[in-house]
C-alpha atoms as a PDB file:
ATOM      1  CA  UNK A   1     -50.336   7.754  42.520  1.00  0.00           C
ATOM      2  CA  UNK A   2     -47.026   6.029  42.457  1.00  0.00           C
ATOM      3  CA  UNK A   3     -43.703   7.330  41.294  1.00  0.00           C
ATOM      4  CA  UNK A   4     -42.272   3.834  40.925  1.00  0.00           C
ATOM      5  CA  UNK A   5     -43.329   3.375  37.256  1.00  0.00           C
ATOM      6  CA  UNK A   6     -39.913   3.874  35.684  1.00  0.00           C
ATOM      7  CA  UNK A   7     -38.105   2.038  38.451  1.00  0.00           C
ATOM      8  CA  UNK A   8     -40.494  -0.889  38.114  1.00  0.00           C
ATOM      9  CA  UNK A   9     -39.875  -1.104  34.355  1.00  0.00           C
ATOM     10  CA  UNK A  10     -36.089  -1.038  34.891  1.00  0.00           C
ATOM     11  CA  UNK A  11     -36.175  -3.738  37.543  1.00  0.00           C
ATOM     12  CA  UNK A  12     -38.443  -5.929  35.421  1.00  0.00           C
ATOM     13  CA  UNK A  13     -36.176  -5.613  32.383  1.00  0.00           C
ATOM     14  CA  UNK A  14     -33.067  -6.171  34.547  1.00  0.00           C
ATOM     15  CA  UNK A  15     -34.584  -9.409  35.888  1.00  0.00           C
ATOM     16  CA  UNK A  16     -35.307 -10.629  32.343  1.00  0.00           C
ATOM     17  CA  UNK A  17     -31.666 -10.138  31.280  1.00  0.00           C
ATOM     18  CA  UNK A  18     -30.337 -11.655  34.546  1.00  0.00           C
ATOM     19  CA  UNK A  19     -29.186  -8.580  36.429  1.00  0.00           C
ATOM     20  CA  UNK A  20     -28.572  -4.847  36.271  1.00  0.00           C
ATOM     21  CA  UNK A  21     -24.936  -5.312  35.143  1.00  0.00           C
ATOM     22  CA  UNK A  22     -26.054  -7.204  32.051  1.00  0.00           C
ATOM     23  CA  UNK A  23     -28.743  -4.603  31.375  1.00  0.00           C
ATOM     24  CA  UNK A  24     -26.138  -1.837  31.542  1.00  0.00           C
ATOM     25  CA  UNK A  25     -23.790  -3.824  29.275  1.00  0.00           C
ATOM     26  CA  UNK A  26     -26.601  -4.380  26.748  1.00  0.00           C
ATOM     27  CA  UNK A  27     -27.499  -0.695  26.753  1.00  0.00           C
ATOM     28  CA  UNK A  28     -23.867   0.395  26.302  1.00  0.00           C
ATOM     29  CA  UNK A  29     -23.198  -2.263  23.657  1.00  0.00           C
ATOM     30  CA  UNK A  30     -26.342  -1.345  21.750  1.00  0.00           C
ATOM     31  CA  UNK A  31     -25.412   2.329  21.848  1.00  0.00           C
ATOM     32  CA  UNK A  32     -21.907   1.511  20.664  1.00  0.00           C
ATOM     33  CA  UNK A  33     -23.175  -0.591  17.754  1.00  0.00           C
ATOM     34  CA  UNK A  34     -25.651   2.101  16.722  1.00  0.00           C
ATOM     35  CA  UNK A  35     -23.017   4.834  17.030  1.00  0.00           C
ATOM     36  CA  UNK A  36     -20.418   2.968  14.974  1.00  0.00           C
ATOM     37  CA  UNK A  37     -23.039   2.007  12.395  1.00  0.00           C
ATOM     38  CA  UNK A  38     -24.217   5.599  12.053  1.00  0.00           C
ATOM     39  CA  UNK A  39     -20.619   6.828  11.736  1.00  0.00           C
ATOM     40  CA  UNK A  40     -19.728   4.281   9.049  1.00  0.00           C
ATOM     41  CA  UNK A  41     -22.940   5.026   7.178  1.00  0.00           C
ATOM     42  CA  UNK A  42     -22.238   8.754   7.253  1.00  0.00           C
ATOM     43  CA  UNK A  43     -18.654   8.198   6.047  1.00  0.00           C
ATOM     44  CA  UNK A  44     -19.920   6.048   3.171  1.00  0.00           C
ATOM     45  CA  UNK A  45     -22.394   8.728   2.113  1.00  0.00           C
ATOM     46  CA  UNK A  46     -19.747  11.469   2.287  1.00  0.00           C
ATOM     47  CA  UNK A  47     -17.267   9.380   0.247  1.00  0.00           C
ATOM     48  CA  UNK A  48     -19.914   8.686  -2.399  1.00  0.00           C
ATOM     49  CA  UNK A  49     -20.760  12.394  -2.675  1.00  0.00           C
ATOM     50  CA  UNK A  50     -17.040  13.283  -2.972  1.00  0.00           C
ATOM     51  CA  UNK A  51     -16.563  10.610  -5.629  1.00  0.00           C
ATOM     52  CA  UNK A  52     -19.490  11.909  -7.670  1.00  0.00           C
ATOM     53  CA  UNK A  53     -18.250  15.487  -7.337  1.00  0.00           C
ATOM     54  CA  UNK A  54     -14.750  14.469  -8.462  1.00  0.00           C
ATOM     55  CA  UNK A  55     -16.177  12.633 -11.492  1.00  0.00           C
ATOM     56  CA  UNK A  56     -18.210  15.685 -12.512  1.00  0.00           C
ATOM     57  CA  UNK A  57     -15.217  17.978 -12.072  1.00  0.00           C
ATOM     58  CA  UNK A  58     -12.963  15.707 -14.159  1.00  0.00           C
ATOM     59  CA  UNK A  59     -15.599  15.480 -16.864  1.00  0.00           C
ATOM     60  CA  UNK A  60     -15.947  19.261 -17.016  1.00  0.00           C
ATOM     61  CA  UNK A  61     -12.150  19.691 -17.122  1.00  0.00           C
ATOM     62  CA  UNK A  62     -11.828  17.117 -19.914  1.00  0.00           C
ATOM     63  CA  UNK A  63     -14.382  19.037 -21.987  1.00  0.00           C
ATOM     64  CA  UNK A  64     -12.177  22.155 -22.161  1.00  0.00           C
ATOM     65  CA  UNK A  65     -10.232  22.490 -25.411  1.00  0.00           C
ATOM     66  CA  UNK A  66      -6.876  24.298 -25.248  1.00  0.00           C
ATOM     67  CA  UNK A  67      -5.072  25.897 -28.180  1.00  0.00           C
ATOM     68  CA  UNK A  68      -1.337  25.765 -28.905  1.00  0.00           C
ATOM     69  CA  UNK A  69       0.209  29.242 -29.331  1.00  0.00           C
ATOM     70  CA  UNK A  70       3.724  28.342 -30.409  1.00  0.00           C
ATOM     71  CA  UNK A  71       5.525  25.360 -31.848  1.00  0.00           C
ATOM     72  CA  UNK A  72       7.183  22.928 -29.492  1.00  0.00           C
ATOM     73  CA  UNK A  73       8.310  19.340 -29.068  1.00  0.00           C
ATOM     74  CA  UNK A  74       7.693  17.498 -25.800  1.00  0.00           C
ATOM     75  CA  UNK A  75      10.322  15.326 -24.131  1.00  0.00           C
ATOM     76  CA  UNK A  76       8.308  12.365 -25.387  1.00  0.00           C
ATOM     77  CA  UNK A  77       8.813  13.532 -28.990  1.00  0.00           C
ATOM     78  CA  UNK A  78       5.294  14.795 -29.638  1.00  0.00           C
ATOM     79  CA  UNK A  79       5.304  17.799 -31.980  1.00  0.00           C
ATOM     80  CA  UNK A  80       2.903  20.654 -31.318  1.00  0.00           C
ATOM     81  CA  UNK A  81       2.196  23.285 -33.972  1.00  0.00           C
ATOM     82  CA  UNK A  82       0.416  26.628 -33.582  1.00  0.00           C
ATOM     83  CA  UNK A  83      -3.387  26.274 -33.643  1.00  0.00           C
ATOM     84  CA  UNK A  84      -3.253  22.585 -32.612  1.00  0.00           C
ATOM     85  CA  UNK A  85      -5.938  21.809 -30.058  1.00  0.00           C
ATOM     86  CA  UNK A  86      -5.875  19.370 -27.155  1.00  0.00           C
ATOM     87  CA  UNK A  87      -7.847  18.287 -24.087  1.00  0.00           C
ATOM     88  CA  UNK A  88      -6.364  17.330 -20.725  1.00  0.00           C
ATOM     89  CA  UNK A  89      -8.080  14.082 -19.757  1.00  0.00           C
ATOM     90  CA  UNK A  90      -6.240  13.310 -16.495  1.00  0.00           C
ATOM     91  CA  UNK A  91      -3.560  14.907 -14.339  1.00  0.00           C
ATOM     92  CA  UNK A  92      -1.050  13.317 -11.990  1.00  0.00           C
ATOM     93  CA  UNK A  93       1.591  15.610 -10.591  1.00  0.00           C
ATOM     94  CA  UNK A  94       3.313  17.279 -13.566  1.00  0.00           C
ATOM     95  CA  UNK A  95       2.177  14.593 -16.029  1.00  0.00           C
ATOM     96  CA  UNK A  96      -0.989  14.979 -18.007  1.00  0.00           C
ATOM     97  CA  UNK A  97      -2.855  12.530 -20.202  1.00  0.00           C
ATOM     98  CA  UNK A  98      -3.965  14.534 -23.217  1.00  0.00           C
ATOM     99  CA  UNK A  99      -5.969  14.000 -26.366  1.00  0.00           C
ATOM    100  CA  UNK A 100      -4.497  15.838 -29.334  1.00  0.00           C
ATOM    101  CA  UNK A 101      -7.528  16.694 -31.462  1.00  0.00           C
ATOM    102  CA  UNK A 102      -7.247  15.405 -35.010  1.00  0.00           C
ATOM    103  CA  UNK A 103      -4.540  12.866 -34.112  1.00  0.00           C
ATOM    104  CA  UNK A 104      -5.367   9.166 -34.447  1.00  0.00           C
ATOM    105  CA  UNK A 105      -2.664   7.959 -32.027  1.00  0.00           C
ATOM    106  CA  UNK A 106      -4.237   9.406 -28.858  1.00  0.00           C
ATOM    107  CA  UNK A 107      -3.780   9.657 -25.890  1.00  0.00           C
ATOM    108  CA  UNK A 108      -0.349  11.000 -24.901  1.00  0.00           C
ATOM    109  CA  UNK A 109       1.407  11.717 -21.614  1.00  0.00           C
ATOM    110  CA  UNK A 110       2.982  15.175 -21.621  1.00  0.00           C
ATOM    111  CA  UNK A 111       4.457  17.523 -19.023  1.00  0.00           C
ATOM    112  CA  UNK A 112       1.862  20.043 -17.888  1.00  0.00           C
ATOM    113  CA  UNK A 113       4.574  22.676 -17.456  1.00  0.00           C
ATOM    114  CA  UNK A 114       5.504  22.182 -21.097  1.00  0.00           C
ATOM    115  CA  UNK A 115       1.859  22.555 -22.151  1.00  0.00           C
ATOM    116  CA  UNK A 116       1.607  25.766 -20.131  1.00  0.00           C
ATOM    117  CA  UNK A 117       4.627  27.169 -21.927  1.00  0.00           C
ATOM    118  CA  UNK A 118       3.287  26.579 -25.458  1.00  0.00           C
ATOM    119  CA  UNK A 119      -0.483  27.010 -25.076  1.00  0.00           C
ATOM    120  CA  UNK A 120      -3.291  28.713 -23.228  1.00  0.00           C
ATOM    121  CA  UNK A 121      -3.384  25.858 -20.715  1.00  0.00           C
ATOM    122  CA  UNK A 122      -2.824  27.151 -17.170  1.00  0.00           C
ATOM    123  CA  UNK A 123      -1.113  24.543 -15.017  1.00  0.00           C
ATOM    124  CA  UNK A 124      -3.186  23.645 -11.959  1.00  0.00           C
ATOM    125  CA  UNK A 125      -1.536  22.647  -8.716  1.00  0.00           C
END
């Protein structure tokens, strides 16, 4: 029995690639390419999952209907009356894109702080 099996395979492969230095470089380069590829693939999968989760969350938030408790006029001039209903479609900082239910001129940008002060909408940070 010989214990040279693994050594013999390494020397044979090293000869085919013109030396042990090139064999080592090929092994390291191949590992690097596989590692970077696996990392990028994992990042892409994670980003896709986050994107899908964000879409579902926005859709569920946009389905909630809020009710106006007291009369008010936004800085943009939009008049809200008690029992008016609206949906918050998008948020960006303190601005919210809303759909005023029953109004044909939708959508509107309104301060979310203002909406919190006149309705049952709770401002989210």
